[in-house]
Full PDB file with SEQRES, HELIX, SHEET, SSBOND, CRYST1, ORIGX, SCALE, CONECT and MASTER records, all heavy atoms in Angstrom:
SEQRES   1 A   32  GLU GLY PRO ARG VAL PHE GLU SER GLU PRO ASN THR HIS          
SEQRES   2 A   32  LEU VAL SER PRO HIS TYR LYS GLU ARG TRP GLN GLU LEU          
SEQRES   3 A   32  LYS LYS PHE PHE THR ALA                                      
HELIX    1 AA1 TYR A   19  THR A   31  1                                  13    
CRYST1    1.000    1.000    1.000  90.00  90.00  90.00 P 1           1          
ORIGX1      1.000000  0.000000  0.000000        0.00000                         
ORIGX2      0.000000  1.000000  0.000000        0.00000                         
ORIGX3      0.000000  0.000000  1.000000        0.00000                         
SCALE1      1.000000  0.000000  0.000000        0.00000                         
SCALE2      0.000000  1.000000  0.000000        0.00000                         
SCALE3      0.000000  0.000000  1.000000        0.00000                         
ATOM      1  N   GLU A   1     -45.813   8.899 -60.623  1.00  0.00           N  
ATOM      2  CA  GLU A   1     -46.665   8.889 -59.449  1.00  0.00           C  
ATOM      3  C   GLU A   1     -47.821   9.859 -59.626  1.00  0.00           C  
ATOM      4  O   GLU A   1     -47.677  10.926 -60.204  1.00  0.00           O  
ATOM      5  CB  GLU A   1     -45.849   9.245 -58.204  1.00  0.00           C  
ATOM      6  CG  GLU A   1     -44.785   8.205 -57.881  1.00  0.00           C  
ATOM      7  CD  GLU A   1     -44.103   8.444 -56.554  1.00  0.00           C  
ATOM      8  OE1 GLU A   1     -44.473   9.413 -55.865  1.00  0.00           O  
ATOM      9  OE2 GLU A   1     -43.210   7.652 -56.200  1.00  0.00           O  
ATOM     10  N   GLY A   2     -48.997   9.441 -59.135  1.00  0.00           N  
ATOM     11  CA  GLY A   2     -50.162  10.301 -59.250  1.00  0.00           C  
ATOM     12  C   GLY A   2     -51.431   9.493 -59.385  1.00  0.00           C  
ATOM     13  O   GLY A   2     -51.430   8.264 -59.287  1.00  0.00           O  
ATOM     14  N   PRO A   3     -52.562  10.169 -59.626  1.00  0.00           N  
ATOM     15  CA  PRO A   3     -53.861   9.496 -59.713  1.00  0.00           C  
ATOM     16  C   PRO A   3     -53.978   8.637 -60.964  1.00  0.00           C  
ATOM     17  O   PRO A   3     -53.272   8.841 -61.955  1.00  0.00           O  
ATOM     18  CB  PRO A   3     -54.851  10.665 -59.736  1.00  0.00           C  
ATOM     19  CG  PRO A   3     -54.062  11.806 -60.325  1.00  0.00           C  
ATOM     20  CD  PRO A   3     -52.669  11.627 -59.797  1.00  0.00           C  
ATOM     21  N   ARG A   4     -54.900   7.688 -60.911  1.00  0.00           N  
ATOM     22  CA  ARG A   4     -55.182   6.793 -62.034  1.00  0.00           C  
ATOM     23  C   ARG A   4     -56.513   7.183 -62.668  1.00  0.00           C  
ATOM     24  O   ARG A   4     -57.310   7.940 -62.105  1.00  0.00           O  
ATOM     25  CB  ARG A   4     -55.270   5.351 -61.574  1.00  0.00           C  
ATOM     26  CG  ARG A   4     -54.069   4.842 -60.789  1.00  0.00           C  
ATOM     27  CD  ARG A   4     -52.855   4.631 -61.671  1.00  0.00           C  
ATOM     28  NE  ARG A   4     -52.062   5.823 -61.840  1.00  0.00           N  
ATOM     29  CZ  ARG A   4     -51.047   5.945 -62.690  1.00  0.00           C  
ATOM     30  NH1 ARG A   4     -50.720   4.933 -63.483  1.00  0.00           N  
ATOM     31  NH2 ARG A   4     -50.363   7.056 -62.778  1.00  0.00           N  
ATOM     32  N   VAL A   5     -56.792   6.649 -63.856  1.00  0.00           N  
ATOM     33  CA  VAL A   5     -58.063   6.897 -64.534  1.00  0.00           C  
ATOM     34  C   VAL A   5     -58.732   5.573 -64.873  1.00  0.00           C  
ATOM     35  O   VAL A   5     -58.087   4.528 -64.905  1.00  0.00           O  
ATOM     36  CB  VAL A   5     -57.866   7.721 -65.826  1.00  0.00           C  
ATOM     37  CG1 VAL A   5     -57.328   9.105 -65.496  1.00  0.00           C  
ATOM     38  CG2 VAL A   5     -56.929   7.010 -66.806  1.00  0.00           C  
ATOM     39  N   PHE A   6     -60.048   5.625 -65.117  1.00  0.00           N  
ATOM     40  CA  PHE A   6     -60.858   4.460 -65.485  1.00  0.00           C  
ATOM     41  C   PHE A   6     -60.796   3.351 -64.425  1.00  0.00           C  
ATOM     42  O   PHE A   6     -60.883   2.171 -64.754  1.00  0.00           O  
ATOM     43  CB  PHE A   6     -60.437   3.898 -66.852  1.00  0.00           C  
ATOM     44  CG  PHE A   6     -60.601   4.875 -67.974  1.00  0.00           C  
ATOM     45  CD1 PHE A   6     -59.487   5.364 -68.653  1.00  0.00           C  
ATOM     46  CD2 PHE A   6     -61.848   5.331 -68.348  1.00  0.00           C  
ATOM     47  CE1 PHE A   6     -59.615   6.279 -69.690  1.00  0.00           C  
ATOM     48  CE2 PHE A   6     -61.999   6.246 -69.393  1.00  0.00           C  
ATOM     49  CZ  PHE A   6     -60.894   6.723 -70.060  1.00  0.00           C  
ATOM     50  N   GLU A   7     -60.634   3.748 -63.180  1.00  0.00           N  
ATOM     51  CA  GLU A   7     -60.643   2.772 -62.097  1.00  0.00           C  
ATOM     52  C   GLU A   7     -61.899   2.960 -61.256  1.00  0.00           C  
ATOM     53  O   GLU A   7     -62.554   4.001 -61.306  1.00  0.00           O  
ATOM     54  CB  GLU A   7     -59.381   2.900 -61.238  1.00  0.00           C  
ATOM     55  CG  GLU A   7     -58.123   2.516 -61.996  1.00  0.00           C  
ATOM     56  CD  GLU A   7     -56.909   2.328 -61.094  1.00  0.00           C  
ATOM     57  OE1 GLU A   7     -57.005   2.639 -59.888  1.00  0.00           O  
ATOM     58  OE2 GLU A   7     -55.875   1.855 -61.606  1.00  0.00           O  
ATOM     59  N   SER A   8     -62.233   1.928 -60.480  1.00  0.00           N  
ATOM     60  CA  SER A   8     -63.502   1.906 -59.755  1.00  0.00           C  
ATOM     61  C   SER A   8     -63.551   2.892 -58.589  1.00  0.00           C  
ATOM     62  O   SER A   8     -64.611   3.294 -58.156  1.00  0.00           O  
ATOM     63  CB  SER A   8     -63.776   0.495 -59.246  1.00  0.00           C  
ATOM     64  OG  SER A   8     -62.689   0.027 -58.468  1.00  0.00           O  
ATOM     65  N   GLU A   9     -62.387   3.245 -58.055  1.00  0.00           N  
ATOM     66  CA  GLU A   9     -62.325   4.180 -56.936  1.00  0.00           C  
ATOM     67  C   GLU A   9     -60.998   4.919 -57.006  1.00  0.00           C  
ATOM     68  O   GLU A   9     -60.056   4.467 -57.656  1.00  0.00           O  
ATOM     69  CB  GLU A   9     -62.470   3.442 -55.610  1.00  0.00           C  
ATOM     70  CG  GLU A   9     -61.429   2.349 -55.389  1.00  0.00           C  
ATOM     71  CD  GLU A   9     -61.705   1.548 -54.131  1.00  0.00           C  
ATOM     72  OE1 GLU A   9     -62.655   0.754 -54.140  1.00  0.00           O  
ATOM     73  OE2 GLU A   9     -60.953   1.717 -53.155  1.00  0.00           O  
ATOM     74  N   PRO A  10     -60.902   6.074 -56.346  1.00  0.00           N  
ATOM     75  CA  PRO A  10     -59.648   6.851 -56.410  1.00  0.00           C  
ATOM     76  C   PRO A  10     -58.440   6.017 -55.995  1.00  0.00           C  
ATOM     77  O   PRO A  10     -58.496   5.259 -55.030  1.00  0.00           O  
ATOM     78  CB  PRO A  10     -59.909   8.002 -55.435  1.00  0.00           C  
ATOM     79  CG  PRO A  10     -61.404   8.141 -55.408  1.00  0.00           C  
ATOM     80  CD  PRO A  10     -61.937   6.738 -55.547  1.00  0.00           C  
ATOM     81  N   ASN A  11     -57.370   6.175 -56.734  1.00  0.00           N  
ATOM     82  CA  ASN A  11     -56.174   5.388 -56.464  1.00  0.00           C  
ATOM     83  C   ASN A  11     -54.959   6.170 -56.937  1.00  0.00           C  
ATOM     84  O   ASN A  11     -54.980   6.771 -58.010  1.00  0.00           O  
ATOM     85  CB  ASN A  11     -56.248   4.046 -57.203  1.00  0.00           C  
ATOM     86  CG  ASN A  11     -55.023   3.183 -56.952  1.00  0.00           C  
ATOM     87  OD1 ASN A  11     -54.451   3.193 -55.876  1.00  0.00           O  
ATOM     88  ND2 ASN A  11     -54.628   2.432 -57.959  1.00  0.00           N  
ATOM     89  N   THR A  12     -53.913   6.170 -56.143  1.00  0.00           N  
ATOM     90  CA  THR A  12     -52.680   6.855 -56.502  1.00  0.00           C  
ATOM     91  C   THR A  12     -51.592   5.826 -56.780  1.00  0.00           C  
ATOM     92  O   THR A  12     -51.409   4.890 -56.010  1.00  0.00           O  
ATOM     93  CB  THR A  12     -52.228   7.801 -55.379  1.00  0.00           C  
ATOM     94  OG1 THR A  12     -53.234   8.813 -55.191  1.00  0.00           O  
ATOM     95  CG2 THR A  12     -50.912   8.476 -55.735  1.00  0.00           C  
ATOM     96  N   HIS A  13     -50.906   6.011 -57.873  1.00  0.00           N  
ATOM     97  CA  HIS A  13     -49.881   5.061 -58.297  1.00  0.00           C  
ATOM     98  C   HIS A  13     -48.512   5.457 -57.763  1.00  0.00           C  
ATOM     99  O   HIS A  13     -48.124   6.619 -57.806  1.00  0.00           O  
ATOM    100  CB  HIS A  13     -49.838   5.019 -59.832  1.00  0.00           C  
ATOM    101  CG  HIS A  13     -48.808   4.095 -60.386  1.00  0.00           C  
ATOM    102  ND1 HIS A  13     -48.894   2.735 -60.249  1.00  0.00           N  
ATOM    103  CD2 HIS A  13     -47.669   4.345 -61.080  1.00  0.00           C  
ATOM    104  CE1 HIS A  13     -47.848   2.175 -60.836  1.00  0.00           C  
ATOM    105  NE2 HIS A  13     -47.093   3.123 -61.342  1.00  0.00           N  
ATOM    106  N   LEU A  14     -47.792   4.472 -57.251  1.00  0.00           N  
ATOM    107  CA  LEU A  14     -46.418   4.675 -56.813  1.00  0.00           C  
ATOM    108  C   LEU A  14     -45.481   3.980 -57.797  1.00  0.00           C  
ATOM    109  O   LEU A  14     -45.785   2.901 -58.300  1.00  0.00           O  
ATOM    110  CB  LEU A  14     -46.214   4.112 -55.404  1.00  0.00           C  
ATOM    111  CG  LEU A  14     -47.080   4.738 -54.305  1.00  0.00           C  
ATOM    112  CD1 LEU A  14     -46.815   4.042 -52.970  1.00  0.00           C  
ATOM    113  CD2 LEU A  14     -46.828   6.239 -54.179  1.00  0.00           C  
ATOM    114  N   VAL A  15     -44.355   4.584 -58.089  1.00  0.00           N  
ATOM    115  CA  VAL A  15     -43.433   4.069 -59.099  1.00  0.00           C  
ATOM    116  C   VAL A  15     -42.246   3.387 -58.429  1.00  0.00           C  
ATOM    117  O   VAL A  15     -41.652   3.922 -57.495  1.00  0.00           O  
ATOM    118  CB  VAL A  15     -42.935   5.202 -60.016  1.00  0.00           C  
ATOM    119  CG1 VAL A  15     -41.911   4.676 -61.019  1.00  0.00           C  
ATOM    120  CG2 VAL A  15     -44.105   5.844 -60.747  1.00  0.00           C  
ATOM    121  N   SER A  16     -41.902   2.201 -58.915  1.00  0.00           N  
ATOM    122  CA  SER A  16     -40.742   1.490 -58.390  1.00  0.00           C  
ATOM    123  C   SER A  16     -39.466   2.275 -58.692  1.00  0.00           C  
ATOM    124  O   SER A  16     -39.283   2.774 -59.802  1.00  0.00           O  
ATOM    125  CB  SER A  16     -40.641   0.098 -59.041  1.00  0.00           C  
ATOM    126  OG  SER A  16     -39.368  -0.467 -58.808  1.00  0.00           O  
ATOM    127  N   PRO A  17     -38.567   2.376 -57.731  1.00  0.00           N  
ATOM    128  CA  PRO A  17     -37.303   3.089 -57.978  1.00  0.00           C  
ATOM    129  C   PRO A  17     -36.405   2.359 -58.971  1.00  0.00           C  
ATOM    130  O   PRO A  17     -35.430   2.931 -59.462  1.00  0.00           O  
ATOM    131  CB  PRO A  17     -36.659   3.142 -56.587  1.00  0.00           C  
ATOM    132  CG  PRO A  17     -37.241   1.985 -55.845  1.00  0.00           C  
ATOM    133  CD  PRO A  17     -38.653   1.869 -56.351  1.00  0.00           C  
ATOM    134  N   HIS A  18     -36.748   1.109 -59.283  1.00  0.00           N  
ATOM    135  CA  HIS A  18     -35.925   0.308 -60.183  1.00  0.00           C  
ATOM    136  C   HIS A  18     -36.528   0.175 -61.587  1.00  0.00           C  
ATOM    137  O   HIS A  18     -36.032  -0.611 -62.381  1.00  0.00           O  
ATOM    138  CB  HIS A  18     -35.729  -1.094 -59.597  1.00  0.00           C  
ATOM    139  CG  HIS A  18     -35.214  -1.106 -58.196  1.00  0.00           C  
ATOM    140  ND1 HIS A  18     -33.946  -0.658 -57.859  1.00  0.00           N  
ATOM    141  CD2 HIS A  18     -35.800  -1.480 -57.029  1.00  0.00           C  
ATOM    142  CE1 HIS A  18     -33.770  -0.777 -56.552  1.00  0.00           C  
ATOM    143  NE2 HIS A  18     -34.876  -1.263 -56.024  1.00  0.00           N  
ATOM    144  N   TYR A  19     -37.588   0.955 -61.879  1.00  0.00           N  
ATOM    145  CA  TYR A  19     -38.301   0.724 -63.126  1.00  0.00           C  
ATOM    146  C   TYR A  19     -37.430   0.931 -64.363  1.00  0.00           C  
ATOM    147  O   TYR A  19     -37.548   0.192 -65.349  1.00  0.00           O  
ATOM    148  CB  TYR A  19     -39.565   1.592 -63.193  1.00  0.00           C  
ATOM    149  CG  TYR A  19     -39.349   3.012 -63.676  1.00  0.00           C  
ATOM    150  CD1 TYR A  19     -39.394   3.316 -65.042  1.00  0.00           C  
ATOM    151  CD2 TYR A  19     -39.097   4.044 -62.791  1.00  0.00           C  
ATOM    152  CE1 TYR A  19     -39.207   4.610 -65.492  1.00  0.00           C  
ATOM    153  CE2 TYR A  19     -38.899   5.335 -63.228  1.00  0.00           C  
ATOM    154  CZ  TYR A  19     -38.957   5.619 -64.584  1.00  0.00           C  
ATOM    155  OH  TYR A  19     -38.759   6.909 -65.029  1.00  0.00           O  
ATOM    156  N   LYS A  20     -36.529   1.922 -64.333  1.00  0.00           N  
ATOM    157  CA  LYS A  20     -35.722   2.196 -65.523  1.00  0.00           C  
ATOM    158  C   LYS A  20     -34.826   1.015 -65.880  1.00  0.00           C  
ATOM    159  O   LYS A  20     -34.822   0.552 -67.031  1.00  0.00           O  
ATOM    160  CB  LYS A  20     -34.875   3.455 -65.330  1.00  0.00           C  
ATOM    161  CG  LYS A  20     -35.650   4.746 -65.424  1.00  0.00           C  
ATOM    162  CD  LYS A  20     -34.714   5.947 -65.381  1.00  0.00           C  
ATOM    163  CE  LYS A  20     -35.497   7.241 -65.526  1.00  0.00           C  
ATOM    164  NZ  LYS A  20     -34.596   8.423 -65.507  1.00  0.00           N  
ATOM    165  N   GLU A  21     -34.080   0.528 -64.911  1.00  0.00           N  
ATOM    166  CA  GLU A  21     -33.173  -0.583 -65.198  1.00  0.00           C  
ATOM    167  C   GLU A  21     -33.928  -1.846 -65.563  1.00  0.00           C  
ATOM    168  O   GLU A  21     -33.491  -2.610 -66.436  1.00  0.00           O  
ATOM    169  CB  GLU A  21     -32.259  -0.844 -64.005  1.00  0.00           C  
ATOM    170  CG  GLU A  21     -32.975  -1.216 -62.718  1.00  0.00           C  
ATOM    171  CD  GLU A  21     -32.040  -1.209 -61.514  1.00  0.00           C  
ATOM    172  OE1 GLU A  21     -31.752  -0.114 -60.988  1.00  0.00           O  
ATOM    173  OE2 GLU A  21     -31.613  -2.311 -61.116  1.00  0.00           O  
ATOM    174  N   ARG A  22     -35.104  -2.072 -64.959  1.00  0.00           N  
ATOM    175  CA  ARG A  22     -35.879  -3.275 -65.277  1.00  0.00           C  
ATOM    176  C   ARG A  22     -36.431  -3.204 -66.698  1.00  0.00           C  
ATOM    177  O   ARG A  22     -36.370  -4.175 -67.454  1.00  0.00           O  
ATOM    178  CB  ARG A  22     -37.013  -3.461 -64.269  1.00  0.00           C  
ATOM    179  CG  ARG A  22     -36.567  -3.659 -62.836  1.00  0.00           C  
ATOM    180  CD  ARG A  22     -35.669  -4.877 -62.680  1.00  0.00           C  
ATOM    181  NE  ARG A  22     -36.422  -6.104 -62.549  1.00  0.00           N  
ATOM    182  CZ  ARG A  22     -35.904  -7.324 -62.586  1.00  0.00           C  
ATOM    183  NH1 ARG A  22     -34.605  -7.466 -62.779  1.00  0.00           N  
ATOM    184  NH2 ARG A  22     -36.652  -8.393 -62.446  1.00  0.00           N  
ATOM    185  N   TRP A  23     -36.962  -2.046 -67.085  1.00  0.00           N  
ATOM    186  CA  TRP A  23     -37.482  -1.902 -68.451  1.00  0.00           C  
ATOM    187  C   TRP A  23     -36.353  -1.940 -69.480  1.00  0.00           C  
ATOM    188  O   TRP A  23     -36.537  -2.446 -70.586  1.00  0.00           O  
ATOM    189  CB  TRP A  23     -38.282  -0.607 -68.581  1.00  0.00           C  
ATOM    190  CG  TRP A  23     -39.718  -0.757 -68.161  1.00  0.00           C  
ATOM    191  CD1 TRP A  23     -40.294  -0.345 -66.998  1.00  0.00           C  
ATOM    192  CD2 TRP A  23     -40.771  -1.371 -68.921  1.00  0.00           C  
ATOM    193  NE1 TRP A  23     -41.620  -0.660 -66.973  1.00  0.00           N  
ATOM    194  CE2 TRP A  23     -41.950  -1.280 -68.142  1.00  0.00           C  
ATOM    195  CE3 TRP A  23     -40.842  -1.972 -70.173  1.00  0.00           C  
ATOM    196  CZ2 TRP A  23     -43.174  -1.785 -68.587  1.00  0.00           C  
ATOM    197  CZ3 TRP A  23     -42.056  -2.482 -70.617  1.00  0.00           C  
ATOM    198  CH2 TRP A  23     -43.203  -2.383 -69.829  1.00  0.00           C  
ATOM    199  N   GLN A  24     -35.198  -1.417 -69.144  1.00  0.00           N  
ATOM    200  CA  GLN A  24     -34.050  -1.492 -70.058  1.00  0.00           C  
ATOM    201  C   GLN A  24     -33.651  -2.937 -70.289  1.00  0.00           C  
ATOM    202  O   GLN A  24     -33.349  -3.341 -71.424  1.00  0.00           O  
ATOM    203  CB  GLN A  24     -32.880  -0.685 -69.499  1.00  0.00           C  
ATOM    204  CG  GLN A  24     -33.074   0.818 -69.579  1.00  0.00           C  
ATOM    205  CD  GLN A  24     -32.058   1.602 -68.761  1.00  0.00           C  
ATOM    206  OE1 GLN A  24     -31.331   1.038 -67.932  1.00  0.00           O  
ATOM    207  NE2 GLN A  24     -32.022   2.916 -68.956  1.00  0.00           N  
ATOM    208  N   GLU A  25     -33.659  -3.737 -69.233  1.00  0.00           N  
ATOM    209  CA  GLU A  25     -33.366  -5.166 -69.359  1.00  0.00           C  
ATOM    210  C   GLU A  25     -34.392  -5.851 -70.252  1.00  0.00           C  
ATOM    211  O   GLU A  25     -34.042  -6.688 -71.099  1.00  0.00           O  
ATOM    212  CB  GLU A  25     -33.380  -5.828 -67.972  1.00  0.00           C  
ATOM    213  CG  GLU A  25     -32.227  -5.440 -67.071  1.00  0.00           C  
ATOM    214  CD  GLU A  25     -32.382  -6.016 -65.672  1.00  0.00           C  
ATOM    215  OE1 GLU A  25     -33.379  -6.720 -65.419  1.00  0.00           O  
ATOM    216  OE2 GLU A  25     -31.511  -5.761 -64.825  1.00  0.00           O  
ATOM    217  N   LEU A  26     -35.667  -5.516 -70.043  1.00  0.00           N  
ATOM    218  CA  LEU A  26     -36.724  -6.158 -70.820  1.00  0.00           C  
ATOM    219  C   LEU A  26     -36.643  -5.770 -72.286  1.00  0.00           C  
ATOM    220  O   LEU A  26     -36.806  -6.620 -73.175  1.00  0.00           O  
ATOM    221  CB  LEU A  26     -38.091  -5.776 -70.245  1.00  0.00           C  
ATOM    222  CG  LEU A  26     -39.281  -6.558 -70.817  1.00  0.00           C  
ATOM    223  CD1 LEU A  26     -39.161  -8.041 -70.479  1.00  0.00           C  
ATOM    224  CD2 LEU A  26     -40.599  -5.989 -70.302  1.00  0.00           C  
ATOM    225  N   LYS A  27     -36.386  -4.497 -72.564  1.00  0.00           N  
ATOM    226  CA  LYS A  27     -36.237  -4.040 -73.942  1.00  0.00           C  
ATOM    227  C   LYS A  27     -35.093  -4.777 -74.635  1.00  0.00           C  
ATOM    228  O   LYS A  27     -35.236  -5.255 -75.778  1.00  0.00           O  
ATOM    229  CB  LYS A  27     -35.979  -2.526 -73.950  1.00  0.00           C  
ATOM    230  CG  LYS A  27     -35.503  -1.952 -75.277  1.00  0.00           C  
ATOM    231  CD  LYS A  27     -36.557  -2.033 -76.374  1.00  0.00           C  
ATOM    232  CE  LYS A  27     -36.072  -1.294 -77.617  1.00  0.00           C  
ATOM    233  NZ  LYS A  27     -37.029  -1.400 -78.735  1.00  0.00           N  
ATOM    234  N   LYS A  28     -33.981  -4.922 -73.966  1.00  0.00           N  
ATOM    235  CA  LYS A  28     -32.831  -5.631 -74.530  1.00  0.00           C  
ATOM    236  C   LYS A  28     -33.171  -7.097 -74.778  1.00  0.00           C  
ATOM    237  O   LYS A  28     -32.827  -7.657 -75.825  1.00  0.00           O  
ATOM    238  CB  LYS A  28     -31.641  -5.517 -73.569  1.00  0.00           C  
ATOM    239  CG  LYS A  28     -30.359  -6.169 -74.075  1.00  0.00           C  
ATOM    240  CD  LYS A  28     -29.221  -5.963 -73.082  1.00  0.00           C  
ATOM    241  CE  LYS A  28     -27.935  -6.621 -73.567  1.00  0.00           C  
ATOM    242  NZ  LYS A  28     -26.817  -6.412 -72.594  1.00  0.00           N  
ATOM    243  N   PHE A  29     -33.847  -7.703 -73.835  1.00  0.00           N  
ATOM    244  CA  PHE A  29     -34.260  -9.105 -73.951  1.00  0.00           C  
ATOM    245  C   PHE A  29     -35.215  -9.301 -75.121  1.00  0.00           C  
ATOM    246  O   PHE A  29     -35.070 -10.234 -75.923  1.00  0.00           O  
ATOM    247  CB  PHE A  29     -34.918  -9.539 -72.637  1.00  0.00           C  
ATOM    248  CG  PHE A  29     -35.487 -10.926 -72.640  1.00  0.00           C  
ATOM    249  CD1 PHE A  29     -34.659 -12.035 -72.633  1.00  0.00           C  
ATOM    250  CD2 PHE A  29     -36.860 -11.126 -72.623  1.00  0.00           C  
ATOM    251  CE1 PHE A  29     -35.191 -13.328 -72.617  1.00  0.00           C  
ATOM    252  CE2 PHE A  29     -37.406 -12.400 -72.609  1.00  0.00           C  
ATOM    253  CZ  PHE A  29     -36.564 -13.504 -72.613  1.00  0.00           C  
ATOM    254  N   PHE A  30     -36.201  -8.431 -75.245  1.00  0.00           N  
ATOM    255  CA  PHE A  30     -37.166  -8.529 -76.347  1.00  0.00           C  
ATOM    256  C   PHE A  30     -36.479  -8.339 -77.698  1.00  0.00           C  
ATOM    257  O   PHE A  30     -36.723  -9.097 -78.642  1.00  0.00           O  
ATOM    258  CB  PHE A  30     -38.267  -7.486 -76.168  1.00  0.00           C  
ATOM    259  CG  PHE A  30     -39.343  -7.878 -75.192  1.00  0.00           C  
ATOM    260  CD1 PHE A  30     -40.375  -6.997 -74.894  1.00  0.00           C  
ATOM    261  CD2 PHE A  30     -39.340  -9.118 -74.573  1.00  0.00           C  
ATOM    262  CE1 PHE A  30     -41.390  -7.342 -73.996  1.00  0.00           C  
ATOM    263  CE2 PHE A  30     -40.344  -9.479 -73.668  1.00  0.00           C  
ATOM    264  CZ  PHE A  30     -41.361  -8.585 -73.386  1.00  0.00           C  
ATOM    265  N   THR A  31     -35.633  -7.340 -77.803  1.00  0.00           N  
ATOM    266  CA  THR A  31     -34.948  -7.070 -79.068  1.00  0.00           C  
ATOM    267  C   THR A  31     -34.109  -8.270 -79.493  1.00  0.00           C  
ATOM    268  O   THR A  31     -34.098  -8.644 -80.676  1.00  0.00           O  
ATOM    269  CB  THR A  31     -34.056  -5.827 -78.928  1.00  0.00           C  
ATOM    270  OG1 THR A  31     -34.863  -4.696 -78.599  1.00  0.00           O  
ATOM    271  CG2 THR A  31     -33.315  -5.545 -80.231  1.00  0.00           C  
ATOM    272  N   ALA A  32     -33.414  -8.892 -78.557  1.00  0.00           N  
ATOM    273  CA  ALA A  32     -32.574 -10.057 -78.855  1.00  0.00           C  
ATOM    274  C   ALA A  32     -33.390 -11.238 -79.348  1.00  0.00           C  
ATOM    275  O   ALA A  32     -32.877 -12.116 -80.042  1.00  0.00           O  
ATOM    276  CB  ALA A  32     -31.776 -10.456 -77.621  1.00  0.00           C  
TER     277      ALA A  32                                                      
MASTER        0    0    0    1    0    0    0    6  276    1    0    3          
END                                                                             
């Protein structure tokens, strides 16, 4: 979470509480 760069106007990013498990699933899927 925090500010972004190279964007047209100020913007703060919020992180999904499920990002870890979703990326772990994707990594496993890609590797397979």
